[in-house]
């Protein structure tokens, strides 16, 4: 494998890591909103 290929793979890995971090943050925000909304649900029973 050439150094250019390694560099390209490292850049791709870094990009995927950054994308994953954004998705994790978004998931945490969505989970928080879901929990907030669930707390406001009233169930007769």
PDB file of N, CA and C in Angstrom:
ATOM      1  N   UNK A   1       0.849  -1.171   0.000  1.00  0.00           N
ATOM      2  CA  UNK A   1       0.000   0.000   0.000  1.00  0.00           C
ATOM      3  C   UNK A   1       0.900   1.240   0.000  1.00  0.00           C
ATOM      4  N   UNK A   2       0.564   2.180  -0.840  1.00  0.00           N
ATOM      5  CA  UNK A   2       1.390   3.382  -0.932  1.00  0.00           C
ATOM      6  C   UNK A   2       1.042   4.352   0.196  1.00  0.00           C
ATOM      7  N   UNK A   3       1.931   5.296   0.407  1.00  0.00           N
ATOM      8  CA  UNK A   3       1.675   6.289   1.449  1.00  0.00           C
ATOM      9  C   UNK A   3       0.463   7.148   1.083  1.00  0.00           C
ATOM     10  N   UNK A   4       0.241   7.343  -0.219  1.00  0.00           N
ATOM     11  CA  UNK A   4      -0.931   8.115  -0.649  1.00  0.00           C
ATOM     12  C   UNK A   4      -2.227   7.357  -0.303  1.00  0.00           C
ATOM     13  N   UNK A   5      -2.223   6.043  -0.492  1.00  0.00           N
ATOM     14  CA  UNK A   5      -3.395   5.235  -0.153  1.00  0.00           C
ATOM     15  C   UNK A   5      -3.646   5.264   1.354  1.00  0.00           C
ATOM     16  N   UNK A   6      -2.561   5.171   2.127  1.00  0.00           N
ATOM     17  CA  UNK A   6      -2.707   5.228   3.579  1.00  0.00           C
ATOM     18  C   UNK A   6      -3.262   6.576   4.017  1.00  0.00           C
ATOM     19  N   UNK A   7      -2.767   7.635   3.411  1.00  0.00           N
ATOM     20  CA  UNK A   7      -3.243   8.974   3.742  1.00  0.00           C
ATOM     21  C   UNK A   7      -4.721   9.117   3.405  1.00  0.00           C
ATOM     22  N   UNK A   8      -5.110   8.593   2.247  1.00  0.00           N
ATOM     23  CA  UNK A   8      -6.506   8.655   1.823  1.00  0.00           C
ATOM     24  C   UNK A   8      -7.401   7.886   2.792  1.00  0.00           C
ATOM     25  N   UNK A   9      -6.933   6.718   3.210  1.00  0.00           N
ATOM     26  CA  UNK A   9      -7.716   5.915   4.167  1.00  0.00           C
ATOM     27  C   UNK A   9      -7.804   6.601   5.516  1.00  0.00           C
ATOM     28  N   UNK A  10      -6.712   7.223   5.945  1.00  0.00           N
ATOM     29  CA  UNK A  10      -6.712   7.942   7.224  1.00  0.00           C
ATOM     30  C   UNK A  10      -7.680   9.118   7.171  1.00  0.00           C
ATOM     31  N   UNK A  11      -7.708   9.818   6.046  1.00  0.00           N
ATOM     32  CA  UNK A  11      -8.643  10.936   5.887  1.00  0.00           C
ATOM     33  C   UNK A  11     -10.082  10.444   5.902  1.00  0.00           C
ATOM     34  N   UNK A  12     -10.325   9.337   5.240  1.00  0.00           N
ATOM     35  CA  UNK A  12     -11.672   8.753   5.208  1.00  0.00           C
ATOM     36  C   UNK A  12     -12.101   8.325   6.614  1.00  0.00           C
ATOM     37  N   UNK A  13     -11.182   7.708   7.344  1.00  0.00           N
ATOM     38  CA  UNK A  13     -11.472   7.281   8.707  1.00  0.00           C
ATOM     39  C   UNK A  13     -11.792   8.484   9.591  1.00  0.00           C
ATOM     40  N   UNK A  14     -11.006   9.541   9.457  1.00  0.00           N
ATOM     41  CA  UNK A  14     -11.240  10.757  10.244  1.00  0.00           C
ATOM     42  C   UNK A  14     -12.602  11.360   9.907  1.00  0.00           C
ATOM     43  N   UNK A  15     -12.960  11.354   8.641  1.00  0.00           N
ATOM     44  CA  UNK A  15     -14.259  11.883   8.223  1.00  0.00           C
ATOM     45  C   UNK A  15     -15.398  11.045   8.799  1.00  0.00           C
ATOM     46  N   UNK A  16     -15.232   9.734   8.786  1.00  0.00           N
ATOM     47  CA  UNK A  16     -16.265   8.852   9.342  1.00  0.00           C
ATOM     48  C   UNK A  16     -16.384   9.041  10.853  1.00  0.00           C
ATOM     49  N   UNK A  17     -15.254   9.224  11.521  1.00  0.00           N
ATOM     50  CA  UNK A  17     -15.289   9.463  12.969  1.00  0.00           C
ATOM     51  C   UNK A  17     -16.048  10.749  13.279  1.00  0.00           C
ATOM     52  N   UNK A  18     -15.780  11.792  12.508  1.00  0.00           N
ATOM     53  CA  UNK A  18     -16.453  13.077  12.723  1.00  0.00           C
ATOM     54  C   UNK A  18     -17.952  12.945  12.469  1.00  0.00           C
ATOM     55  N   UNK A  19     -18.312  12.248  11.414  1.00  0.00           N
ATOM     56  CA  UNK A  19     -19.724  12.037  11.096  1.00  0.00           C
ATOM     57  C   UNK A  19     -20.408  11.248  12.221  1.00  0.00           C
ATOM     58  N   UNK A  20     -19.731  10.241  12.737  1.00  0.00           N
ATOM     59  CA  UNK A  20     -20.280   9.433  13.819  1.00  0.00           C
ATOM     60  C   UNK A  20     -20.495  10.283  15.071  1.00  0.00           C
ATOM     61  N   UNK A  21     -19.545  11.160  15.380  1.00  0.00           N
ATOM     62  CA  UNK A  21     -19.674  12.035  16.548  1.00  0.00           C
ATOM     63  C   UNK A  21     -20.900  12.934  16.411  1.00  0.00           C
ATOM     64  N   UNK A  22     -21.120  13.459  15.211  1.00  0.00           N
ATOM     65  CA  UNK A  22     -22.298  14.296  14.968  1.00  0.00           C
ATOM     66  C   UNK A  22     -23.577  13.485  15.167  1.00  0.00           C
ATOM     67  N   UNK A  23     -23.585  12.259  14.667  1.00  0.00           N
ATOM     68  CA  UNK A  23     -24.759  11.404  14.808  1.00  0.00           C
ATOM     69  C   UNK A  23     -25.028  11.050  16.270  1.00  0.00           C
ATOM     70  N   UNK A  24     -23.971  10.799  17.043  1.00  0.00           N
ATOM     71  CA  UNK A  24     -24.151  10.508  18.462  1.00  0.00           C
ATOM     72  C   UNK A  24     -24.757  11.706  19.197  1.00  0.00           C
ATOM     73  N   UNK A  25     -24.294  12.901  18.871  1.00  0.00           N
ATOM     74  CA  UNK A  25     -24.831  14.116  19.494  1.00  0.00           C
ATOM     75  C   UNK A  25     -26.299  14.276  19.128  1.00  0.00           C
ATOM     76  N   UNK A  26     -26.615  14.061  17.854  1.00  0.00           N
ATOM     77  CA  UNK A  26     -27.998  14.170  17.400  1.00  0.00           C
ATOM     78  C   UNK A  26     -28.879  13.135  18.113  1.00  0.00           C
ATOM     79  N   UNK A  27     -28.375  11.927  18.257  1.00  0.00           N
ATOM     80  CA  UNK A  27     -29.133  10.876  18.942  1.00  0.00           C
ATOM     81  C   UNK A  27     -29.422  11.271  20.387  1.00  0.00           C
ATOM     82  N   UNK A  28     -28.434  11.819  21.070  1.00  0.00           N
ATOM     83  CA  UNK A  28     -28.622  12.244  22.460  1.00  0.00           C
ATOM     84  C   UNK A  28     -29.686  13.342  22.541  1.00  0.00           C
ATOM     85  N   UNK A  29     -29.659  14.278  21.611  1.00  0.00           N
ATOM     86  CA  UNK A  29     -30.658  15.346  21.594  1.00  0.00           C
ATOM     87  C   UNK A  29     -32.058  14.795  21.339  1.00  0.00           C
ATOM     88  N   UNK A  30     -32.168  13.861  20.403  1.00  0.00           N
ATOM     89  CA  UNK A  30     -33.464  13.256  20.104  1.00  0.00           C
ATOM     90  C   UNK A  30     -33.978  12.445  21.290  1.00  0.00           C
ATOM     91  N   UNK A  31     -33.094  11.689  21.931  1.00  0.00           N
ATOM     92  CA  UNK A  31     -33.499  10.914  23.104  1.00  0.00           C
ATOM     93  C   UNK A  31     -34.009  11.827  24.208  1.00  0.00           C
ATOM     94  N   UNK A  32     -33.358  12.955  24.400  1.00  0.00           N
ATOM     95  CA  UNK A  32     -33.781  13.913  25.408  1.00  0.00           C
ATOM     96  C   UNK A  32     -35.172  14.462  25.078  1.00  0.00           C
ATOM     97  N   UNK A  33     -35.401  14.799  23.823  1.00  0.00           N
ATOM     98  CA  UNK A  33     -36.711  15.309  23.408  1.00  0.00           C
ATOM     99  C   UNK A  33     -37.792  14.245  23.573  1.00  0.00           C
ATOM    100  N   UNK A  34     -37.467  13.021  23.254  1.00  0.00           N
ATOM    101  CA  UNK A  34     -38.425  11.918  23.411  1.00  0.00           C
ATOM    102  C   UNK A  34     -38.786  11.743  24.883  1.00  0.00           C
ATOM    103  N   UNK A  35     -37.790  11.721  25.755  1.00  0.00           N
ATOM    104  CA  UNK A  35     -38.059  11.569  27.187  1.00  0.00           C
ATOM    105  C   UNK A  35     -38.918  12.713  27.714  1.00  0.00           C
ATOM    106  N   UNK A  36     -38.615  13.921  27.276  1.00  0.00           N
ATOM    107  CA  UNK A  36     -39.403  15.087  27.700  1.00  0.00           C
ATOM    108  C   UNK A  36     -40.853  14.921  27.266  1.00  0.00           C
ATOM    109  N   UNK A  37     -41.060  14.495  26.032  1.00  0.00           N
ATOM    110  CA  UNK A  37     -42.416  14.319  25.526  1.00  0.00           C
ATOM    111  C   UNK A  37     -43.134  13.170  26.227  1.00  0.00           C
ATOM    112  N   UNK A  38     -42.420  12.094  26.524  1.00  0.00           N
ATOM    113  CA  UNK A  38     -43.039  10.967  27.219  1.00  0.00           C
ATOM    114  C   UNK A  38     -43.512  11.363  28.620  1.00  0.00           C
ATOM    115  N   UNK A  39     -42.772  12.247  29.263  1.00  0.00           N
ATOM    116  CA  UNK A  39     -43.160  12.701  30.599  1.00  0.00           C
ATOM    117  C   UNK A  39     -44.479  13.472  30.573  1.00  0.00           C
ATOM    118  N   UNK A  40     -44.798  14.062  29.431  1.00  0.00           N
ATOM    119  CA  UNK A  40     -46.035  14.848  29.360  1.00  0.00           C
ATOM    120  C   UNK A  40     -47.239  13.997  28.937  1.00  0.00           C
ATOM    121  N   UNK A  41     -47.016  12.734  28.622  1.00  0.00           N
ATOM    122  CA  UNK A  41     -48.114  11.856  28.216  1.00  0.00           C
ATOM    123  C   UNK A  41     -48.863  11.383  29.451  1.00  0.00           C
ATOM    124  N   UNK A  42     -50.168  11.539  29.377  1.00  0.00           N
ATOM    125  CA  UNK A  42     -51.004  11.080  30.472  1.00  0.00           C
ATOM    126  C   UNK A  42     -51.798   9.873  30.004  1.00  0.00           C
ATOM    127  N   UNK A  43     -51.725   8.801  30.783  1.00  0.00           N
ATOM    128  CA  UNK A  43     -52.422   7.576  30.438  1.00  0.00           C
ATOM    129  C   UNK A  43     -53.525   7.343  31.467  1.00  0.00           C
ATOM    130  N   UNK A  44     -54.753   7.229  31.000  1.00  0.00           N
ATOM    131  CA  UNK A  44     -55.863   6.918  31.907  1.00  0.00           C
ATOM    132  C   UNK A  44     -55.832   5.431  32.201  1.00  0.00           C
ATOM    133  N   UNK A  45     -55.974   5.101  33.460  1.00  0.00           N
ATOM    134  CA  UNK A  45     -55.964   3.685  33.758  1.00  0.00           C
ATOM    135  C   UNK A  45     -55.989   3.369  35.155  1.00  0.00           C
TER     136      UNK A  45
END
